[in-house]
């Protein structure tokens, strides 16, 4: 659904708010264009997330699939447990995001140092067919040493999701932080 990223160079903060079935992955590349590491920094708000499922059950809802198989949905209808504007499930669905604050003091393992950091923000159409490591490695390979072609890397990830058979919509954005 949505991931919002605010970058404050003065305060040395990156604030990520997430809701729904989009995910943000932070990664760092050293000065030679080699991947130093990555972290998945948001959680999916879906029925298969046990913490989210428990929240829905505590409000009187249930998680069940639409047709007896497939993904768990809120009352068998909506795949996400956090969303904007679903009036029929308003009592169960919240629009309150998870918020992650990353401090940028240069001492973090993946989150600072001599390299450059990036965030991949993508919808579940990508993550349904590609794990975070594969996505980050493909992005780094596409960006190339010193080129930092973020648009090309995002487009390659999008196309790769379709090659791998995604049946969902795909949106990919790569940000330099």
Protein backbone atom coordinates (compact mmCIF):
# COMPACT_ATOMS: atom_id res chain seq x y z
CA UNK A 1 0.00 0.00 0.00
CA UNK A 2 2.39 2.73 1.11
CA UNK A 3 5.87 3.41 2.41
CA UNK A 4 6.93 6.98 3.13
CA UNK A 5 10.59 7.88 3.58
CA UNK A 6 11.71 11.20 5.09
CA UNK A 7 15.42 12.00 4.99
CA UNK A 8 16.79 14.69 7.28
CA UNK A 9 20.50 15.29 6.62
CA UNK A 10 20.66 18.00 9.29
CA UNK A 11 19.27 15.77 12.05
CA UNK A 12 20.98 12.72 10.55
CA UNK A 13 17.73 10.74 10.52
CA UNK A 14 15.86 8.59 8.05
CA UNK A 15 12.23 8.07 9.03
CA UNK A 16 10.30 5.29 7.31
CA UNK A 17 6.55 4.86 7.78
CA UNK A 18 4.95 1.75 6.32
CA UNK A 19 1.42 0.49 5.89
CA UNK A 20 0.07 -2.47 3.94
CA UNK A 21 1.98 -4.81 1.66
CA UNK A 22 4.93 -2.70 0.54
CA UNK A 23 8.40 -3.26 1.95
CA UNK A 24 11.52 -1.13 2.38
CA UNK A 25 15.02 -2.61 2.29
CA UNK A 26 18.09 -0.61 3.31
CA UNK A 27 21.42 -1.53 1.74
CA UNK A 28 24.95 -0.16 1.64
CA UNK A 29 27.50 -0.24 -1.16
CA UNK A 30 31.18 0.48 -0.56
CA UNK A 31 33.27 2.88 -2.64
CA UNK A 32 34.03 0.09 -5.14
CA UNK A 33 30.37 -0.68 -5.80
CA UNK A 34 30.40 -3.86 -3.68
CA UNK A 35 27.44 -4.70 -1.46
CA UNK A 36 28.37 -4.32 2.22
CA UNK A 37 25.06 -5.47 3.68
CA UNK A 38 21.30 -4.99 3.81
CA UNK A 39 18.39 -4.92 6.25
CA UNK A 40 14.65 -5.33 5.67
CA UNK A 41 13.38 -2.34 7.67
CA UNK A 42 9.60 -2.68 7.41
CA UNK A 43 7.11 -5.46 8.08
CA UNK A 44 4.24 -6.55 5.89
CA UNK A 45 0.80 -5.78 7.29
CA UNK A 46 -0.96 -8.89 6.01
CA UNK A 47 -3.01 -11.69 7.52
CA UNK A 48 -0.06 -14.09 7.40
CA UNK A 49 1.84 -11.81 9.82
CA UNK A 50 0.94 -13.41 13.19
CA UNK A 51 1.17 -10.14 15.12
CA UNK A 52 -1.21 -8.46 12.69
CA UNK A 53 -3.56 -11.48 12.69
CA UNK A 54 -3.73 -11.36 16.48
CA UNK A 55 -4.57 -7.64 16.36
CA UNK A 56 -7.43 -8.36 13.94
CA UNK A 57 -8.73 -11.24 16.12
CA UNK A 58 -8.60 -9.06 19.25
CA UNK A 59 -10.95 -6.62 17.48
CA UNK A 60 -13.46 -9.37 16.68
CA UNK A 61 -12.31 -10.12 13.14
CA UNK A 62 -10.81 -13.22 11.62
CA UNK A 63 -8.17 -14.16 9.11
CA UNK A 64 -9.34 -16.61 6.46
CA UNK A 65 -8.77 -17.17 2.79
CA UNK A 66 -11.33 -16.20 0.21
CA UNK A 67 -11.89 -19.68 -1.20
CA UNK A 68 -10.43 -22.03 1.39
CA UNK A 69 -6.88 -21.73 0.02
CA UNK A 70 -4.37 -19.02 -0.67
CA UNK A 71 -3.47 -16.05 1.45
CA UNK A 72 -5.13 -15.11 4.72
CA UNK A 73 -7.46 -12.13 4.41
CA UNK A 74 -9.25 -9.95 6.95
CA UNK A 75 -12.71 -11.53 7.23
CA UNK A 76 -11.90 -13.34 3.99
CA UNK A 77 -11.87 -10.07 2.02
CA UNK A 78 -8.83 -7.82 2.27
CA UNK A 79 -5.25 -9.12 2.07
CA UNK A 80 -3.76 -6.22 4.05
CA UNK A 81 -4.39 -5.53 7.73
CA UNK A 82 -3.49 -1.84 7.52
CA UNK A 83 -4.91 0.31 4.78
CA UNK A 84 -6.44 3.65 3.89
CA UNK A 85 -10.17 3.96 3.34
CA UNK A 86 -11.65 0.46 3.41
CA UNK A 87 -15.06 1.46 4.78
CA UNK A 88 -16.48 -2.08 5.08
CA UNK A 89 -13.66 -3.20 7.38
CA UNK A 90 -12.99 0.12 9.12
CA UNK A 91 -13.47 -1.38 12.61
CA UNK A 92 -10.67 -3.89 11.97
CA UNK A 93 -8.28 -2.12 9.59
CA UNK A 94 -6.10 0.71 10.79
CA UNK A 95 -4.24 3.36 8.83
CA UNK A 96 -1.64 3.70 11.59
CA UNK A 97 1.79 3.00 10.09
CA UNK A 98 4.74 1.25 11.63
CA UNK A 99 7.46 3.88 11.94
CA UNK A 100 11.17 3.12 11.87
CA UNK A 101 13.71 5.83 12.72
CA UNK A 102 17.27 5.23 11.56
CA UNK A 103 19.94 7.43 13.09
CA UNK A 104 22.71 8.32 10.67
CA UNK A 105 25.78 8.85 12.86
CA UNK A 106 28.12 6.77 10.66
CA UNK A 107 28.73 4.05 13.25
CA UNK A 108 26.10 1.54 12.12
CA UNK A 109 27.08 -1.74 10.48
CA UNK A 110 24.89 -1.42 7.38
CA UNK A 111 23.62 2.05 8.09
CA UNK A 112 26.68 4.22 7.62
CA UNK A 113 30.40 4.23 7.06
CA UNK A 114 32.55 4.75 3.98
CA UNK A 115 29.99 3.55 1.46
CA UNK A 116 26.70 4.87 0.15
CA UNK A 117 23.29 3.82 1.43
CA UNK A 118 20.12 3.22 -0.53
CA UNK A 119 16.57 2.09 0.16
CA UNK A 120 14.52 -0.08 -2.17
CA UNK A 121 10.81 0.57 -1.66
CA UNK A 122 8.62 -1.92 -3.52
CA UNK A 123 5.13 -3.35 -3.59
CA UNK A 124 4.44 -7.00 -2.91
CA UNK A 125 4.39 -7.72 -6.62
CA UNK A 126 8.19 -7.71 -6.39
CA UNK A 127 8.52 -9.38 -2.97
CA UNK A 128 6.13 -12.20 -3.94
CA UNK A 129 8.73 -13.50 -6.41
CA UNK A 130 12.06 -12.16 -5.14
CA UNK A 131 13.64 -12.07 -1.71
CA UNK A 132 15.47 -9.04 -0.34
CA UNK A 133 18.95 -10.44 -1.02
CA UNK A 134 18.17 -11.14 -4.69
CA UNK A 135 16.63 -7.69 -5.15
CA UNK A 136 19.54 -5.88 -3.52
CA UNK A 137 22.16 -7.87 -5.44
CA UNK A 138 20.37 -7.21 -8.74
CA UNK A 139 20.07 -3.50 -7.94
CA UNK A 140 23.77 -3.23 -7.05
CA UNK A 141 24.79 -5.12 -10.19
CA UNK A 142 22.62 -2.88 -12.36
CA UNK A 143 23.78 0.33 -10.72
CA UNK A 144 27.37 -0.58 -11.52
CA UNK A 145 30.53 0.87 -10.06
CA UNK A 146 30.03 4.57 -9.53
CA UNK A 147 27.19 4.90 -12.06
CA UNK A 148 24.35 5.00 -9.56
CA UNK A 149 21.67 4.55 -12.19
CA UNK A 150 18.78 4.15 -9.75
CA UNK A 151 16.02 4.44 -12.36
CA UNK A 152 17.53 1.69 -14.49
CA UNK A 153 17.95 -0.54 -11.43
CA UNK A 154 14.32 0.01 -10.38
CA UNK A 155 13.11 -0.76 -13.91
CA UNK A 156 15.21 -3.94 -14.04
CA UNK A 157 13.71 -5.15 -10.74
CA UNK A 158 10.21 -4.42 -12.04
CA UNK A 159 10.81 -6.35 -15.26
CA UNK A 160 12.43 -9.22 -13.37
CA UNK A 161 9.33 -9.55 -11.18
CA UNK A 162 7.24 -10.14 -14.31
CA UNK A 163 9.82 -12.55 -15.75
CA UNK A 164 9.59 -14.52 -12.48
CA UNK A 165 5.83 -14.70 -12.82
CA UNK A 166 4.34 -12.13 -10.48
CA UNK A 167 0.59 -11.78 -10.88
CA UNK A 168 0.35 -8.60 -8.82
CA UNK A 169 1.05 -4.98 -9.60
CA UNK A 170 4.70 -3.97 -9.24
CA UNK A 171 6.07 -0.64 -8.12
CA UNK A 172 9.77 -0.16 -7.34
CA UNK A 173 11.63 2.94 -6.19
CA UNK A 174 15.29 3.15 -5.18
CA UNK A 175 16.39 6.10 -3.06
CA UNK A 176 19.89 7.30 -2.26
CA UNK A 177 20.14 8.36 1.37
